[in-house]
Amino acid sequence: MTGSQWRCTVTASRADASDFPAETAGRSDADLQLEVGTSYRYAVSALRITHLPVLVRWVKADVAWARGLRDQAITAVWFNETGTPNATAADLLALLAAAPLAD
């Protein structure tokens, strides 16, 4: 199957948004579905994330709690310079999710 023949249907609904209700409350199901699909396609094609658990965490972050992660310049820099995109994504998500250090 070639890339043009392959099609993935990504669905998002209010039930899928239950992990982050406050972050997704203001968006319609159609908006969420569009944003999840866009995030998924970007993560797979541009960032080369292929490990499913990391991919799911990436999309949740990009759509809900770290909105617009894919649009950050540092994201492109990190992924352009890595040979291990799955590990890079996991590291970046762990850094973002970590509690800030107290002074």
C-alpha atoms as a PDB file:
ATOM      1  CA  MET A   1       0.000   0.000   0.000  1.00  0.00           C
ATOM      2  CA  THR A   2       1.448   3.395  -0.945  1.00  0.00           C
ATOM      3  CA  GLY A   3       1.213   6.542   1.136  1.00  0.00           C
ATOM      4  CA  SER A   4      -1.550   7.928  -1.057  1.00  0.00           C
ATOM      5  CA  GLN A   5      -3.622   4.768  -0.621  1.00  0.00           C
ATOM      6  CA  TRP A   6      -3.227   4.632   3.146  1.00  0.00           C
ATOM      7  CA  ARG A   7      -5.778   6.534   5.147  1.00  0.00           C
ATOM      8  CA  CYS A   8      -6.146   6.775   8.874  1.00  0.00           C
ATOM      9  CA  THR A   9      -9.344   7.975  10.441  1.00  0.00           C
ATOM     10  CA  VAL A  10      -8.781   9.806  13.678  1.00  0.00           C
ATOM     11  CA  THR A  11     -11.786  10.331  15.880  1.00  0.00           C
ATOM     12  CA  ALA A  12     -12.194  12.580  18.852  1.00  0.00           C
ATOM     13  CA  SER A  13     -15.262  13.164  20.900  1.00  0.00           C
ATOM     14  CA  ARG A  14     -16.215  14.669  24.203  1.00  0.00           C
ATOM     15  CA  ALA A  15     -15.658  11.233  25.790  1.00  0.00           C
ATOM     16  CA  ASP A  16     -12.071  11.189  24.484  1.00  0.00           C
ATOM     17  CA  ALA A  17     -11.524  14.609  26.029  1.00  0.00           C
ATOM     18  CA  SER A  18     -12.279  13.322  29.525  1.00  0.00           C
ATOM     19  CA  ASP A  19      -8.548  13.235  30.355  1.00  0.00           C
ATOM     20  CA  PHE A  20      -8.407  17.021  30.107  1.00  0.00           C
ATOM     21  CA  PRO A  21     -11.949  18.396  30.580  1.00  0.00           C
ATOM     22  CA  ALA A  22     -10.937  21.943  31.497  1.00  0.00           C
ATOM     23  CA  GLU A  23      -8.513  22.248  28.579  1.00  0.00           C
ATOM     24  CA  THR A  24     -10.993  20.974  25.989  1.00  0.00           C
ATOM     25  CA  ALA A  25     -14.278  22.302  27.376  1.00  0.00           C
ATOM     26  CA  GLY A  26     -14.450  25.295  25.072  1.00  0.00           C
ATOM     27  CA  ARG A  27     -14.036  23.347  21.843  1.00  0.00           C
ATOM     28  CA  SER A  28     -16.646  21.495  19.834  1.00  0.00           C
ATOM     29  CA  ASP A  29     -16.307  17.842  18.894  1.00  0.00           C
ATOM     30  CA  ALA A  30     -15.640  18.860  15.283  1.00  0.00           C
ATOM     31  CA  ASP A  31     -12.856  21.254  16.349  1.00  0.00           C
ATOM     32  CA  LEU A  32     -11.307  18.597  18.566  1.00  0.00           C
ATOM     33  CA  GLN A  33     -11.444  16.013  15.802  1.00  0.00           C
ATOM     34  CA  LEU A  34      -9.767  18.388  13.353  1.00  0.00           C
ATOM     35  CA  GLU A  35      -7.052  19.345  15.826  1.00  0.00           C
ATOM     36  CA  VAL A  36      -6.366  15.728  16.844  1.00  0.00           C
ATOM     37  CA  GLY A  37      -6.068  14.724  13.178  1.00  0.00           C
ATOM     38  CA  THR A  38      -3.727  17.608  12.406  1.00  0.00           C
ATOM     39  CA  SER A  39      -1.561  16.864  15.440  1.00  0.00           C
ATOM     40  CA  TYR A  40      -1.420  13.151  14.627  1.00  0.00           C
ATOM     41  CA  ARG A  41      -0.431  13.711  10.989  1.00  0.00           C
ATOM     42  CA  TYR A  42       2.257  16.217  11.976  1.00  0.00           C
ATOM     43  CA  ALA A  43       3.704  13.923  14.662  1.00  0.00           C
ATOM     44  CA  VAL A  44       3.893  10.968  12.284  1.00  0.00           C
ATOM     45  CA  SER A  45       5.079  12.735   9.133  1.00  0.00           C
ATOM     46  CA  ALA A  46       7.179  15.688  10.289  1.00  0.00           C
ATOM     47  CA  LEU A  47       8.458  14.459  13.653  1.00  0.00           C
ATOM     48  CA  ARG A  48       8.635  10.750  12.719  1.00  0.00           C
ATOM     49  CA  ILE A  49       7.047   9.546  15.978  1.00  0.00           C
ATOM     50  CA  THR A  50       6.057   5.902  15.515  1.00  0.00           C
ATOM     51  CA  HIS A  51       5.821   4.423  19.017  1.00  0.00           C
ATOM     52  CA  LEU A  52       2.086   4.368  19.744  1.00  0.00           C
ATOM     53  CA  PRO A  53       2.150   5.233  23.488  1.00  0.00           C
ATOM     54  CA  VAL A  54       4.439   8.202  22.792  1.00  0.00           C
ATOM     55  CA  LEU A  55       2.303   9.238  19.832  1.00  0.00           C
ATOM     56  CA  VAL A  56      -0.870   9.213  21.951  1.00  0.00           C
ATOM     57  CA  ARG A  57       0.817  11.249  24.703  1.00  0.00           C
ATOM     58  CA  TRP A  58       2.148  13.695  22.094  1.00  0.00           C
ATOM     59  CA  VAL A  59      -1.283  14.278  20.552  1.00  0.00           C
ATOM     60  CA  LYS A  60      -2.909  14.709  23.986  1.00  0.00           C
ATOM     61  CA  ALA A  61      -0.269  17.254  24.939  1.00  0.00           C
ATOM     62  CA  ASP A  62      -0.426  19.111  21.630  1.00  0.00           C
ATOM     63  CA  VAL A  63      -4.223  19.303  21.699  1.00  0.00           C
ATOM     64  CA  ALA A  64      -4.900  19.768  25.415  1.00  0.00           C
ATOM     65  CA  TRP A  65      -2.304  20.628  28.025  1.00  0.00           C
ATOM     66  CA  ALA A  66       0.609  21.972  25.929  1.00  0.00           C
ATOM     67  CA  ARG A  67      -1.481  23.375  23.136  1.00  0.00           C
ATOM     68  CA  GLY A  68       0.401  24.274  19.983  1.00  0.00           C
ATOM     69  CA  LEU A  69       3.467  22.242  20.871  1.00  0.00           C
ATOM     70  CA  ARG A  70       4.015  21.405  17.211  1.00  0.00           C
ATOM     71  CA  ASP A  71       4.267  25.122  16.362  1.00  0.00           C
ATOM     72  CA  GLN A  72       7.170  25.839  18.713  1.00  0.00           C
ATOM     73  CA  ALA A  73      10.495  26.498  16.989  1.00  0.00           C
ATOM     74  CA  ILE A  74      12.461  24.445  19.512  1.00  0.00           C
ATOM     75  CA  THR A  75      10.335  21.403  18.678  1.00  0.00           C
ATOM     76  CA  ALA A  76      11.449  21.507  15.042  1.00  0.00           C
ATOM     77  CA  VAL A  77      15.079  22.022  16.050  1.00  0.00           C
ATOM     78  CA  TRP A  78      15.097  19.072  18.461  1.00  0.00           C
ATOM     79  CA  PHE A  79      13.459  16.701  16.015  1.00  0.00           C
ATOM     80  CA  ASN A  80      15.593  17.764  13.049  1.00  0.00           C
ATOM     81  CA  GLU A  81      18.734  16.933  15.006  1.00  0.00           C
ATOM     82  CA  THR A  82      17.686  13.571  16.448  1.00  0.00           C
ATOM     83  CA  GLY A  83      18.085  10.040  15.196  1.00  0.00           C
ATOM     84  CA  THR A  84      15.642   8.765  17.813  1.00  0.00           C
ATOM     85  CA  PRO A  85      12.402  10.732  17.460  1.00  0.00           C
ATOM     86  CA  ASN A  86      10.414   8.481  19.811  1.00  0.00           C
ATOM     87  CA  ALA A  87      12.915   8.983  22.643  1.00  0.00           C
ATOM     88  CA  THR A  88      13.112  12.707  21.912  1.00  0.00           C
ATOM     89  CA  ALA A  89       9.321  13.022  22.085  1.00  0.00           C
ATOM     90  CA  ALA A  90       9.175  11.042  25.331  1.00  0.00           C
ATOM     91  CA  ASP A  91      11.928  13.209  26.849  1.00  0.00           C
ATOM     92  CA  LEU A  92      10.271  16.443  25.776  1.00  0.00           C
ATOM     93  CA  LEU A  93       6.895  15.358  27.157  1.00  0.00           C
ATOM     94  CA  ALA A  94       8.491  14.317  30.451  1.00  0.00           C
ATOM     95  CA  LEU A  95      10.217  17.698  30.741  1.00  0.00           C
ATOM     96  CA  LEU A  96       6.986  19.551  30.073  1.00  0.00           C
ATOM     97  CA  ALA A  97       5.003  17.430  32.524  1.00  0.00           C
ATOM     98  CA  ALA A  98       7.556  17.700  35.336  1.00  0.00           C
ATOM     99  CA  ALA A  99       6.821  20.042  38.197  1.00  0.00           C
ATOM    100  CA  PRO A 100       9.021  23.131  38.111  1.00  0.00           C
ATOM    101  CA  LEU A 101      11.921  23.169  40.542  1.00  0.00           C
ATOM    102  CA  ALA A 102      11.563  25.471  43.507  1.00  0.00           C
ATOM    103  CA  ASP A 103      14.216  28.126  43.978  1.00  0.00           C
END
